[in-house]
PDB file of N, CA and C in Angstrom:
ATOM      1  N   UNK A   1     128.985 279.449 168.288  1.00  0.00           N
ATOM      2  CA  UNK A   1     128.575 280.305 169.376  1.00  0.00           C
ATOM      3  C   UNK A   1     127.428 281.223 168.946  1.00  0.00           C
ATOM      4  N   UNK A   2     127.532 281.777 167.739  1.00  0.00           N
ATOM      5  CA  UNK A   2     126.471 282.649 167.244  1.00  0.00           C
ATOM      6  C   UNK A   2     125.190 281.847 167.046  1.00  0.00           C
ATOM      7  N   UNK A   3     125.331 280.623 166.541  1.00  0.00           N
ATOM      8  CA  UNK A   3     124.173 279.757 166.323  1.00  0.00           C
ATOM      9  C   UNK A   3     123.442 279.520 167.644  1.00  0.00           C
ATOM     10  N   UNK A   4     124.189 279.260 168.693  1.00  0.00           N
ATOM     11  CA  UNK A   4     123.593 279.028 170.004  1.00  0.00           C
ATOM     12  C   UNK A   4     122.895 280.284 170.530  1.00  0.00           C
ATOM     13  N   UNK A   5     123.455 281.442 170.243  1.00  0.00           N
ATOM     14  CA  UNK A   5     122.820 282.698 170.658  1.00  0.00           C
ATOM     15  C   UNK A   5     121.476 282.880 169.961  1.00  0.00           C
ATOM     16  N   UNK A   6     121.428 282.595 168.664  1.00  0.00           N
ATOM     17  CA  UNK A   6     120.165 282.706 167.942  1.00  0.00           C
ATOM     18  C   UNK A   6     119.142 281.705 168.475  1.00  0.00           C
ATOM     19  N   UNK A   7     119.584 280.505 168.777  1.00  0.00           N
ATOM     20  CA  UNK A   7     118.678 279.489 169.305  1.00  0.00           C
ATOM     21  C   UNK A   7     118.161 279.878 170.689  1.00  0.00           C
ATOM     22  N   UNK A   8     119.021 280.456 171.505  1.00  0.00           N
ATOM     23  CA  UNK A   8     118.601 280.830 172.858  1.00  0.00           C
ATOM     24  C   UNK A   8     117.642 282.017 172.863  1.00  0.00           C
ATOM     25  N   UNK A   9     117.698 282.878 171.855  1.00  0.00           N
ATOM     26  CA  UNK A   9     116.759 284.004 171.832  1.00  0.00           C
ATOM     27  C   UNK A   9     115.328 283.520 171.622  1.00  0.00           C
ATOM     28  N   UNK A  10     115.167 282.392 170.933  1.00  0.00           N
ATOM     29  CA  UNK A  10     113.823 281.848 170.768  1.00  0.00           C
ATOM     30  C   UNK A  10     113.271 281.426 172.129  1.00  0.00           C
ATOM     31  N   UNK A  11     114.100 280.819 172.951  1.00  0.00           N
ATOM     32  CA  UNK A  11     113.676 280.464 174.315  1.00  0.00           C
ATOM     33  C   UNK A  11     113.346 281.720 175.117  1.00  0.00           C
ATOM     34  N   UNK A  12     114.089 282.780 174.893  1.00  0.00           N
ATOM     35  CA  UNK A  12     113.816 284.042 175.572  1.00  0.00           C
ATOM     36  C   UNK A  12     112.449 284.587 175.154  1.00  0.00           C
ATOM     37  N   UNK A  13     112.115 284.484 173.854  1.00  0.00           N
ATOM     38  CA  UNK A  13     110.805 284.937 173.390  1.00  0.00           C
ATOM     39  C   UNK A  13     109.685 284.152 174.058  1.00  0.00           C
ATOM     40  N   UNK A  14     109.859 282.847 174.210  1.00  0.00           N
ATOM     41  CA  UNK A  14     108.853 282.009 174.868  1.00  0.00           C
ATOM     42  C   UNK A  14     108.654 282.478 176.305  1.00  0.00           C
ATOM     43  N   UNK A  15     109.732 282.676 177.027  1.00  0.00           N
ATOM     44  CA  UNK A  15     109.659 283.121 178.421  1.00  0.00           C
ATOM     45  C   UNK A  15     108.991 284.493 178.531  1.00  0.00           C
ATOM     46  N   UNK A  16     109.411 285.438 177.700  1.00  0.00           N
ATOM     47  CA  UNK A  16     108.844 286.787 177.759  1.00  0.00           C
ATOM     48  C   UNK A  16     107.365 286.792 177.420  1.00  0.00           C
ATOM     49  N   UNK A  17     106.982 286.010 176.424  1.00  0.00           N
ATOM     50  CA  UNK A  17     105.570 285.968 176.049  1.00  0.00           C
ATOM     51  C   UNK A  17     104.722 285.393 177.171  1.00  0.00           C
ATOM     52  N   UNK A  18     105.213 284.321 177.799  1.00  0.00           N
ATOM     53  CA  UNK A  18     104.482 283.748 178.932  1.00  0.00           C
ATOM     54  C   UNK A  18     104.307 284.785 180.048  1.00  0.00           C
ATOM     55  N   UNK A  19     105.374 285.510 180.357  1.00  0.00           N
ATOM     56  CA  UNK A  19     105.308 286.515 181.415  1.00  0.00           C
ATOM     57  C   UNK A  19     104.364 287.657 181.050  1.00  0.00           C
ATOM     58  N   UNK A  20     104.427 288.098 179.808  1.00  0.00           N
ATOM     59  CA  UNK A  20     103.561 289.204 179.377  1.00  0.00           C
ATOM     60  C   UNK A  20     102.095 288.816 179.434  1.00  0.00           C
ATOM     61  N   UNK A  21     101.778 287.621 178.949  1.00  0.00           N
ATOM     62  CA  UNK A  21     100.378 287.220 178.891  1.00  0.00           C
ATOM     63  C   UNK A  21      99.787 286.910 180.261  1.00  0.00           C
ATOM     64  N   UNK A  22     100.641 286.593 181.236  1.00  0.00           N
ATOM     65  CA  UNK A  22     100.145 286.376 182.593  1.00  0.00           C
ATOM     66  C   UNK A  22      99.739 287.690 183.247  1.00  0.00           C
ATOM     67  N   UNK A  23     100.395 288.776 182.864  1.00  0.00           N
ATOM     68  CA  UNK A  23     100.188 290.050 183.544  1.00  0.00           C
ATOM     69  C   UNK A  23      99.276 291.006 182.789  1.00  0.00           C
ATOM     70  N   UNK A  24      98.754 290.599 181.631  1.00  0.00           N
ATOM     71  CA  UNK A  24      97.940 291.498 180.820  1.00  0.00           C
ATOM     72  C   UNK A  24      96.608 290.821 180.532  1.00  0.00           C
ATOM     73  N   UNK A  25      95.548 291.596 180.633  1.00  0.00           N
ATOM     74  CA  UNK A  25      94.238 291.047 180.275  1.00  0.00           C
ATOM     75  C   UNK A  25      93.838 291.586 178.902  1.00  0.00           C
ATOM     76  N   UNK A  26      93.127 290.778 178.115  1.00  0.00           N
ATOM     77  CA  UNK A  26      92.730 291.228 176.787  1.00  0.00           C
ATOM     78  C   UNK A  26      91.787 292.420 176.853  1.00  0.00           C
ATOM     79  N   UNK A  27      91.844 293.290 175.858  1.00  0.00           N
ATOM     80  CA  UNK A  27      90.934 294.437 175.868  1.00  0.00           C
ATOM     81  C   UNK A  27      89.487 293.976 175.647  1.00  0.00           C
ATOM     82  N   UNK A  28      88.545 294.783 176.102  1.00  0.00           N
ATOM     83  CA  UNK A  28      87.141 294.408 176.015  1.00  0.00           C
ATOM     84  C   UNK A  28      86.607 294.506 174.594  1.00  0.00           C
ATOM     85  N   UNK A  29      87.115 295.419 173.816  1.00  0.00           N
ATOM     86  CA  UNK A  29      86.580 295.648 172.479  1.00  0.00           C
ATOM     87  C   UNK A  29      87.049 294.642 171.443  1.00  0.00           C
ATOM     88  N   UNK A  30      87.965 293.774 171.793  1.00  0.00           N
ATOM     89  CA  UNK A  30      88.496 292.821 170.818  1.00  0.00           C
ATOM     90  C   UNK A  30      89.631 293.439 170.018  1.00  0.00           C
ATOM     91  N   UNK A  31      90.299 292.619 169.278  1.00  0.00           N
ATOM     92  CA  UNK A  31      91.417 293.092 168.473  1.00  0.00           C
ATOM     93  C   UNK A  31      91.269 292.578 167.052  1.00  0.00           C
ATOM     94  N   UNK A  32      91.874 293.269 166.135  1.00  0.00           N
ATOM     95  CA  UNK A  32      91.863 292.835 164.742  1.00  0.00           C
ATOM     96  C   UNK A  32      92.774 291.618 164.620  1.00  0.00           C
ATOM     97  N   UNK A  33      92.303 290.599 163.930  1.00  0.00           N
ATOM     98  CA  UNK A  33      93.074 289.365 163.810  1.00  0.00           C
ATOM     99  C   UNK A  33      93.960 289.427 162.574  1.00  0.00           C
ATOM    100  N   UNK A  34      95.257 289.480 162.802  1.00  0.00           N
ATOM    101  CA  UNK A  34      96.221 289.500 161.696  1.00  0.00           C
ATOM    102  C   UNK A  34      97.122 288.271 161.749  1.00  0.00           C
ATOM    103  N   UNK A  35      96.641 287.222 162.413  1.00  0.00           N
ATOM    104  CA  UNK A  35      97.446 286.016 162.552  1.00  0.00           C
ATOM    105  C   UNK A  35      97.784 285.404 161.207  1.00  0.00           C
ATOM    106  N   UNK A  36      96.858 285.431 160.263  1.00  0.00           N
ATOM    107  CA  UNK A  36      97.128 284.881 158.932  1.00  0.00           C
ATOM    108  C   UNK A  36      98.245 285.650 158.239  1.00  0.00           C
ATOM    109  N   UNK A  37      98.252 286.955 158.421  1.00  0.00           N
ATOM    110  CA  UNK A  37      99.316 287.776 157.835  1.00  0.00           C
ATOM    111  C   UNK A  37     100.663 287.405 158.442  1.00  0.00           C
ATOM    112  N   UNK A  38     100.713 287.233 159.759  1.00  0.00           N
ATOM    113  CA  UNK A  38     101.951 286.822 160.416  1.00  0.00           C
ATOM    114  C   UNK A  38     102.380 285.433 159.953  1.00  0.00           C
ATOM    115  N   UNK A  39     101.410 284.529 159.790  1.00  0.00           N
ATOM    116  CA  UNK A  39     101.728 283.171 159.338  1.00  0.00           C
ATOM    117  C   UNK A  39     102.308 283.177 157.925  1.00  0.00           C
ATOM    118  N   UNK A  40     101.743 283.993 157.035  1.00  0.00           N
ATOM    119  CA  UNK A  40     102.274 284.074 155.672  1.00  0.00           C
ATOM    120  C   UNK A  40     103.678 284.674 155.665  1.00  0.00           C
ATOM    121  N   UNK A  41     103.890 285.685 156.483  1.00  0.00           N
ATOM    122  CA  UNK A  41     105.218 286.301 156.564  1.00  0.00           C
ATOM    123  C   UNK A  41     106.234 285.318 157.140  1.00  0.00           C
ATOM    124  N   UNK A  42     105.824 284.547 158.143  1.00  0.00           N
ATOM    125  CA  UNK A  42     106.722 283.555 158.731  1.00  0.00           C
ATOM    126  C   UNK A  42     107.046 282.454 157.730  1.00  0.00           C
ATOM    127  N   UNK A  43     106.052 282.019 156.963  1.00  0.00           N
ATOM    128  CA  UNK A  43     106.297 281.006 155.932  1.00  0.00           C
ATOM    129  C   UNK A  43     107.265 281.537 154.879  1.00  0.00           C
ATOM    130  N   UNK A  44     107.107 282.789 154.514  1.00  0.00           N
ATOM    131  CA  UNK A  44     108.018 283.394 153.540  1.00  0.00           C
ATOM    132  C   UNK A  44     109.442 283.470 154.091  1.00  0.00           C
ATOM    133  N   UNK A  45     109.575 283.808 155.372  1.00  0.00           N
ATOM    134  CA  UNK A  45     110.910 283.864 155.982  1.00  0.00           C
ATOM    135  C   UNK A  45     111.544 282.481 156.038  1.00  0.00           C
ATOM    136  N   UNK A  46     110.772 281.479 156.388  1.00  0.00           N
ATOM    137  CA  UNK A  46     111.298 280.111 156.435  1.00  0.00           C
ATOM    138  C   UNK A  46     111.694 279.610 155.066  1.00  0.00           C
ATOM    139  N   UNK A  47     110.844 279.857 154.082  1.00  0.00           N
ATOM    140  CA  UNK A  47     111.149 279.455 152.713  1.00  0.00           C
ATOM    141  C   UNK A  47     112.388 280.199 152.212  1.00  0.00           C
ATOM    142  N   UNK A  48     112.451 281.490 152.498  1.00  0.00           N
ATOM    143  CA  UNK A  48     113.607 282.283 152.089  1.00  0.00           C
ATOM    144  C   UNK A  48     114.891 281.790 152.725  1.00  0.00           C
ATOM    145  N   UNK A  49     114.811 281.376 153.977  1.00  0.00           N
ATOM    146  CA  UNK A  49     115.982 280.869 154.679  1.00  0.00           C
ATOM    147  C   UNK A  49     116.510 279.606 154.022  1.00  0.00           C
ATOM    148  N   UNK A  50     115.609 278.676 153.720  1.00  0.00           N
ATOM    149  CA  UNK A  50     116.020 277.411 153.103  1.00  0.00           C
ATOM    150  C   UNK A  50     116.568 277.646 151.701  1.00  0.00           C
ATOM    151  N   UNK A  51     115.872 278.460 150.919  1.00  0.00           N
ATOM    152  CA  UNK A  51     116.317 278.730 149.549  1.00  0.00           C
ATOM    153  C   UNK A  51     117.651 279.469 149.557  1.00  0.00           C
ATOM    154  N   UNK A  52     117.789 280.456 150.428  1.00  0.00           N
ATOM    155  CA  UNK A  52     119.030 281.224 150.489  1.00  0.00           C
ATOM    156  C   UNK A  52     120.204 280.325 150.845  1.00  0.00           C
ATOM    157  N   UNK A  53     119.985 279.424 151.780  1.00  0.00           N
ATOM    158  CA  UNK A  53     121.069 278.523 152.200  1.00  0.00           C
ATOM    159  C   UNK A  53     121.504 277.604 151.069  1.00  0.00           C
ATOM    160  N   UNK A  54     120.533 277.121 150.288  1.00  0.00           N
ATOM    161  CA  UNK A  54     120.861 276.212 149.190  1.00  0.00           C
ATOM    162  C   UNK A  54     121.388 276.957 147.963  1.00  0.00           C
ATOM    163  N   UNK A  55     120.864 278.142 147.700  1.00  0.00           N
ATOM    164  CA  UNK A  55     121.177 278.834 146.447  1.00  0.00           C
ATOM    165  C   UNK A  55     122.420 279.715 146.527  1.00  0.00           C
ATOM    166  N   UNK A  56     122.780 280.154 147.728  1.00  0.00           N
ATOM    167  CA  UNK A  56     123.902 281.080 147.859  1.00  0.00           C
ATOM    168  C   UNK A  56     125.205 280.309 147.786  1.00  0.00           C
ATOM    169  N   UNK A  57     125.869 280.405 146.653  1.00  0.00           N
ATOM    170  CA  UNK A  57     127.137 279.716 146.443  1.00  0.00           C
ATOM    171  C   UNK A  57     128.255 280.504 147.108  1.00  0.00           C
ATOM    172  N   UNK A  58     128.927 279.879 148.068  1.00  0.00           N
ATOM    173  CA  UNK A  58     129.978 280.582 148.791  1.00  0.00           C
ATOM    174  C   UNK A  58     131.369 280.255 148.260  1.00  0.00           C
ATOM    175  N   UNK A  59     131.447 279.320 147.345  1.00  0.00           N
ATOM    176  CA  UNK A  59     132.759 278.961 146.797  1.00  0.00           C
ATOM    177  C   UNK A  59     133.681 278.507 147.911  1.00  0.00           C
ATOM    178  N   UNK A  60     134.895 279.034 147.954  1.00  0.00           N
ATOM    179  CA  UNK A  60     135.846 278.665 148.990  1.00  0.00           C
ATOM    180  C   UNK A  60     136.048 279.765 150.008  1.00  0.00           C
ATOM    181  N   UNK A  61     135.131 280.699 150.085  1.00  0.00           N
ATOM    182  CA  UNK A  61     135.283 281.873 150.941  1.00  0.00           C
ATOM    183  C   UNK A  61     134.625 281.638 152.300  1.00  0.00           C
ATOM    184  N   UNK A  62     135.425 281.615 153.367  1.00  0.00           N
ATOM    185  CA  UNK A  62     134.902 281.399 154.720  1.00  0.00           C
ATOM    186  C   UNK A  62     134.025 282.561 155.173  1.00  0.00           C
ATOM    187  N   UNK A  63     134.372 283.778 154.770  1.00  0.00           N
ATOM    188  CA  UNK A  63     133.575 284.928 155.175  1.00  0.00           C
ATOM    189  C   UNK A  63     132.162 284.827 154.591  1.00  0.00           C
ATOM    190  N   UNK A  64     132.052 284.457 153.329  1.00  0.00           N
ATOM    191  CA  UNK A  64     130.730 284.280 152.724  1.00  0.00           C
ATOM    192  C   UNK A  64     129.968 283.149 153.396  1.00  0.00           C
ATOM    193  N   UNK A  65     130.664 282.112 153.811  1.00  0.00           N
ATOM    194  CA  UNK A  65     130.027 280.989 154.498  1.00  0.00           C
ATOM    195  C   UNK A  65     129.398 281.461 155.804  1.00  0.00           C
ATOM    196  N   UNK A  66     130.125 282.289 156.562  1.00  0.00           N
ATOM    197  CA  UNK A  66     129.598 282.817 157.821  1.00  0.00           C
ATOM    198  C   UNK A  66     128.426 283.756 157.575  1.00  0.00           C
ATOM    199  N   UNK A  67     128.553 284.610 156.576  1.00  0.00           N
ATOM    200  CA  UNK A  67     127.470 285.551 156.270  1.00  0.00           C
ATOM    201  C   UNK A  67     126.211 284.783 155.883  1.00  0.00           C
ATOM    202  N   UNK A  68     126.350 283.767 155.048  1.00  0.00           N
ATOM    203  CA  UNK A  68     125.198 282.965 154.635  1.00  0.00           C
ATOM    204  C   UNK A  68     124.516 282.342 155.848  1.00  0.00           C
ATOM    205  N   UNK A  69     125.286 281.783 156.755  1.00  0.00           N
ATOM    206  CA  UNK A  69     124.699 281.159 157.940  1.00  0.00           C
ATOM    207  C   UNK A  69     123.972 282.178 158.818  1.00  0.00           C
ATOM    208  N   UNK A  70     124.589 283.322 159.047  1.00  0.00           N
ATOM    209  CA  UNK A  70     123.966 284.336 159.905  1.00  0.00           C
ATOM    210  C   UNK A  70     122.674 284.858 159.278  1.00  0.00           C
ATOM    211  N   UNK A  71     122.669 285.085 157.971  1.00  0.00           N
ATOM    212  CA  UNK A  71     121.444 285.540 157.309  1.00  0.00           C
ATOM    213  C   UNK A  71     120.331 284.503 157.458  1.00  0.00           C
ATOM    214  N   UNK A  72     120.661 283.235 157.296  1.00  0.00           N
ATOM    215  CA  UNK A  72     119.660 282.169 157.461  1.00  0.00           C
ATOM    216  C   UNK A  72     119.134 282.132 158.893  1.00  0.00           C
ATOM    217  N   UNK A  73     120.005 282.263 159.872  1.00  0.00           N
ATOM    218  CA  UNK A  73     119.568 282.236 161.272  1.00  0.00           C
ATOM    219  C   UNK A  73     118.689 283.432 161.601  1.00  0.00           C
ATOM    220  N   UNK A  74     119.004 284.581 161.022  1.00  0.00           N
ATOM    221  CA  UNK A  74     118.177 285.772 161.242  1.00  0.00           C
ATOM    222  C   UNK A  74     116.783 285.554 160.659  1.00  0.00           C
ATOM    223  N   UNK A  75     116.715 284.987 159.464  1.00  0.00           N
ATOM    224  CA  UNK A  75     115.409 284.694 158.870  1.00  0.00           C
ATOM    225  C   UNK A  75     114.631 283.699 159.725  1.00  0.00           C
ATOM    226  N   UNK A  76     115.315 282.711 160.283  1.00  0.00           N
ATOM    227  CA  UNK A  76     114.647 281.754 161.163  1.00  0.00           C
ATOM    228  C   UNK A  76     114.132 282.435 162.428  1.00  0.00           C
ATOM    229  N   UNK A  77     114.893 283.361 162.941  1.00  0.00           N
ATOM    230  CA  UNK A  77     114.475 284.051 164.160  1.00  0.00           C
ATOM    231  C   UNK A  77     113.280 284.964 163.905  1.00  0.00           C
ATOM    232  N   UNK A  78     113.169 285.491 162.700  1.00  0.00           N
ATOM    233  CA  UNK A  78     112.004 286.333 162.400  1.00  0.00           C
ATOM    234  C   UNK A  78     110.706 285.528 162.489  1.00  0.00           C
ATOM    235  N   UNK A  79     110.789 284.227 162.233  1.00  0.00           N
ATOM    236  CA  UNK A  79     109.598 283.387 162.388  1.00  0.00           C
ATOM    237  C   UNK A  79     109.145 283.414 163.847  1.00  0.00           C
ATOM    238  N   UNK A  80     110.087 283.292 164.774  1.00  0.00           N
ATOM    239  CA  UNK A  80     109.746 283.357 166.196  1.00  0.00           C
ATOM    240  C   UNK A  80     109.203 284.738 166.567  1.00  0.00           C
ATOM    241  N   UNK A  81     109.755 285.781 165.976  1.00  0.00           N
ATOM    242  CA  UNK A  81     109.268 287.141 166.259  1.00  0.00           C
ATOM    243  C   UNK A  81     107.837 287.304 165.765  1.00  0.00           C
ATOM    244  N   UNK A  82     107.536 286.774 164.579  1.00  0.00           N
ATOM    245  CA  UNK A  82     106.163 286.846 164.081  1.00  0.00           C
ATOM    246  C   UNK A  82     105.210 286.090 165.002  1.00  0.00           C
ATOM    247  N   UNK A  83     105.629 284.956 165.509  1.00  0.00           N
ATOM    248  CA  UNK A  83     104.804 284.215 166.461  1.00  0.00           C
ATOM    249  C   UNK A  83     104.588 284.990 167.749  1.00  0.00           C
ATOM    250  N   UNK A  84     105.650 285.624 168.216  1.00  0.00           N
ATOM    251  CA  UNK A  84     105.561 286.456 169.416  1.00  0.00           C
ATOM    252  C   UNK A  84     104.534 287.568 169.215  1.00  0.00           C
ATOM    253  N   UNK A  85     104.613 288.231 168.067  1.00  0.00           N
ATOM    254  CA  UNK A  85     103.688 289.329 167.782  1.00  0.00           C
ATOM    255  C   UNK A  85     102.253 288.843 167.616  1.00  0.00           C
ATOM    256  N   UNK A  86     102.085 287.710 166.936  1.00  0.00           N
ATOM    257  CA  UNK A  86     100.731 287.180 166.728  1.00  0.00           C
ATOM    258  C   UNK A  86     100.094 286.786 168.056  1.00  0.00           C
ATOM    259  N   UNK A  87     100.843 286.129 168.917  1.00  0.00           N
ATOM    260  CA  UNK A  87     100.307 285.720 170.216  1.00  0.00           C
ATOM    261  C   UNK A  87     100.040 286.930 171.105  1.00  0.00           C
ATOM    262  N   UNK A  88     100.901 287.913 171.023  1.00  0.00           N
ATOM    263  CA  UNK A  88     100.712 289.128 171.802  1.00  0.00           C
ATOM    264  C   UNK A  88      99.463 289.874 171.334  1.00  0.00           C
ATOM    265  N   UNK A  89      99.225 289.846 170.046  1.00  0.00           N
ATOM    266  CA  UNK A  89      98.066 290.536 169.497  1.00  0.00           C
ATOM    267  C   UNK A  89      96.769 289.798 169.822  1.00  0.00           C
ATOM    268  N   UNK A  90      96.820 288.473 169.849  1.00  0.00           N
ATOM    269  CA  UNK A  90      95.632 287.656 170.138  1.00  0.00           C
ATOM    270  C   UNK A  90      95.474 287.352 171.630  1.00  0.00           C
ATOM    271  N   UNK A  91      96.476 287.666 172.450  1.00  0.00           N
ATOM    272  CA  UNK A  91      96.468 287.364 173.882  1.00  0.00           C
ATOM    273  C   UNK A  91      96.289 285.862 174.130  1.00  0.00           C
ATOM    274  N   UNK A  92      96.980 285.056 173.302  1.00  0.00           N
ATOM    275  CA  UNK A  92      96.885 283.604 173.412  1.00  0.00           C
ATOM    276  C   UNK A  92      98.246 283.000 173.094  1.00  0.00           C
ATOM    277  N   UNK A  93      98.861 282.369 174.073  1.00  0.00           N
ATOM    278  CA  UNK A  93     100.191 281.791 173.877  1.00  0.00           C
ATOM    279  C   UNK A  93     100.178 280.681 172.831  1.00  0.00           C
ATOM    280  N   UNK A  94      99.103 279.935 172.746  1.00  0.00           N
ATOM    281  CA  UNK A  94      99.023 278.801 171.826  1.00  0.00           C
ATOM    282  C   UNK A  94      99.161 279.210 170.363  1.00  0.00           C
ATOM    283  N   UNK A  95      98.873 280.456 170.057  1.00  0.00           N
ATOM    284  CA  UNK A  95      99.042 280.946 168.685  1.00  0.00           C
ATOM    285  C   UNK A  95     100.513 280.909 168.294  1.00  0.00           C
ATOM    286  N   UNK A  96     101.394 281.145 169.239  1.00  0.00           N
ATOM    287  CA  UNK A  96     102.825 281.236 168.942  1.00  0.00           C
ATOM    288  C   UNK A  96     103.528 279.890 168.869  1.00  0.00           C
ATOM    289  N   UNK A  97     102.925 278.847 169.387  1.00  0.00           N
ATOM    290  CA  UNK A  97     103.598 277.549 169.459  1.00  0.00           C
ATOM    291  C   UNK A  97     104.078 277.052 168.095  1.00  0.00           C
ATOM    292  N   UNK A  98     103.258 277.070 167.032  1.00  0.00           N
ATOM    293  CA  UNK A  98     103.774 276.597 165.739  1.00  0.00           C
ATOM    294  C   UNK A  98     104.910 277.464 165.198  1.00  0.00           C
ATOM    295  N   UNK A  99     104.843 278.755 165.454  1.00  0.00           N
ATOM    296  CA  UNK A  99     105.905 279.654 165.008  1.00  0.00           C
ATOM    297  C   UNK A  99     107.218 279.318 165.709  1.00  0.00           C
ATOM    298  N   UNK A 100     107.136 279.155 167.030  1.00  0.00           N
ATOM    299  CA  UNK A 100     108.342 278.835 167.789  1.00  0.00           C
ATOM    300  C   UNK A 100     108.902 277.471 167.386  1.00  0.00           C
ATOM    301  N   UNK A 101     108.011 276.507 167.172  1.00  0.00           N
ATOM    302  CA  UNK A 101     108.457 275.172 166.767  1.00  0.00           C
ATOM    303  C   UNK A 101     109.156 275.219 165.406  1.00  0.00           C
ATOM    304  N   UNK A 102     108.605 275.975 164.472  1.00  0.00           N
ATOM    305  CA  UNK A 102     109.223 276.090 163.148  1.00  0.00           C
ATOM    306  C   UNK A 102     110.582 276.775 163.236  1.00  0.00           C
ATOM    307  N   UNK A 103     110.671 277.825 164.048  1.00  0.00           N
ATOM    308  CA  UNK A 103     111.938 278.548 164.185  1.00  0.00           C
ATOM    309  C   UNK A 103     113.020 277.664 164.800  1.00  0.00           C
ATOM    310  N   UNK A 104     112.658 276.929 165.830  1.00  0.00           N
ATOM    311  CA  UNK A 104     113.632 276.042 166.480  1.00  0.00           C
ATOM    312  C   UNK A 104     114.055 274.926 165.528  1.00  0.00           C
ATOM    313  N   UNK A 105     113.095 274.332 164.834  1.00  0.00           N
ATOM    314  CA  UNK A 105     113.405 273.243 163.911  1.00  0.00           C
ATOM    315  C   UNK A 105     114.348 273.704 162.812  1.00  0.00           C
ATOM    316  N   UNK A 106     114.036 274.819 162.177  1.00  0.00           N
ATOM    317  CA  UNK A 106     114.902 275.318 161.104  1.00  0.00           C
ATOM    318  C   UNK A 106     116.290 275.679 161.622  1.00  0.00           C
ATOM    319  N   UNK A 107     116.353 276.283 162.808  1.00  0.00           N
ATOM    320  CA  UNK A 107     117.656 276.650 163.356  1.00  0.00           C
ATOM    321  C   UNK A 107     118.470 275.411 163.698  1.00  0.00           C
ATOM    322  N   UNK A 108     117.822 274.390 164.237  1.00  0.00           N
ATOM    323  CA  UNK A 108     118.539 273.149 164.534  1.00  0.00           C
ATOM    324  C   UNK A 108     119.018 272.469 163.249  1.00  0.00           C
ATOM    325  N   UNK A 109     118.197 272.508 162.218  1.00  0.00           N
ATOM    326  CA  UNK A 109     118.597 271.901 160.947  1.00  0.00           C
ATOM    327  C   UNK A 109     119.748 272.648 160.277  1.00  0.00           C
ATOM    328  N   UNK A 110     119.904 273.916 160.627  1.00  0.00           N
ATOM    329  CA  UNK A 110     120.960 274.726 160.031  1.00  0.00           C
ATOM    330  C   UNK A 110     122.155 274.873 160.969  1.00  0.00           C
ATOM    331  N   UNK A 111     122.451 273.798 161.688  1.00  0.00           N
ATOM    332  CA  UNK A 111     123.624 273.783 162.551  1.00  0.00           C
ATOM    333  C   UNK A 111     124.859 274.019 161.687  1.00  0.00           C
ATOM    334  N   UNK A 112     125.767 274.885 162.121  1.00  0.00           N
ATOM    335  CA  UNK A 112     126.925 275.224 161.275  1.00  0.00           C
ATOM    336  C   UNK A 112     127.979 274.130 161.283  1.00  0.00           C
ATOM    337  N   UNK A 113     127.871 273.243 160.350  1.00  0.00           N
ATOM    338  CA  UNK A 113     128.878 272.185 160.226  1.00  0.00           C
ATOM    339  C   UNK A 113     130.164 272.804 159.697  1.00  0.00           C
ATOM    340  N   UNK A 114     131.252 272.478 160.346  1.00  0.00           N
ATOM    341  CA  UNK A 114     132.546 273.011 159.911  1.00  0.00           C
ATOM    342  C   UNK A 114     132.908 272.350 158.579  1.00  0.00           C
ATOM    343  N   UNK A 115     133.079 273.159 157.552  1.00  0.00           N
ATOM    344  CA  UNK A 115     133.365 272.581 156.237  1.00  0.00           C
ATOM    345  C   UNK A 115     134.794 272.055 156.168  1.00  0.00           C
ATOM    346  N   UNK A 116     134.932 271.070 155.313  1.00  0.00           N
ATOM    347  CA  UNK A 116     136.291 270.553 155.066  1.00  0.00           C
ATOM    348  C   UNK A 116     137.059 271.613 154.285  1.00  0.00           C
ATOM    349  N   UNK A 117     138.374 271.663 154.453  1.00  0.00           N
ATOM    350  CA  UNK A 117     139.166 272.663 153.719  1.00  0.00           C
ATOM    351  C   UNK A 117     138.938 272.545 152.217  1.00  0.00           C
ATOM    352  N   UNK A 118     138.587 273.663 151.608  1.00  0.00           N
ATOM    353  CA  UNK A 118     138.364 273.707 150.173  1.00  0.00           C
ATOM    354  C   UNK A 118     137.010 273.199 149.743  1.00  0.00           C
ATOM    355  N   UNK A 119     136.152 272.799 150.702  1.00  0.00           N
ATOM    356  CA  UNK A 119     134.849 272.250 150.346  1.00  0.00           C
ATOM    357  C   UNK A 119     133.709 273.232 150.543  1.00  0.00           C
ATOM    358  N   UNK A 120     134.013 274.447 150.914  1.00  0.00           N
ATOM    359  CA  UNK A 120     132.956 275.420 151.128  1.00  0.00           C
ATOM    360  C   UNK A 120     132.381 275.724 149.794  1.00  0.00           C
TER     361      UNK A 120
END
């Protein structure tokens, strides 16, 4: 259920960004481009999510298993947030598409498979 909530928030970001960009016009003076900074931060969050999931040994503890999954999903969602911010800053929805795609892909790959008893 929590996994589905994290996945659905990415869809919410897509909807909100589309609505915001339809109702706002870009400023005349231009904006500072920090898309590369957002992309590097998103890559770090994605890499951290994958490494954390593989490296965090939960042993046989179900609570640690849940915590590990939630931390990974939060890191995946930050990728979507960085995309949201980058597109909002550039006033271009297409900037966010790779961020949203990466966030959805990582979240789908980290579906919480119910572990076998004693196999956590």
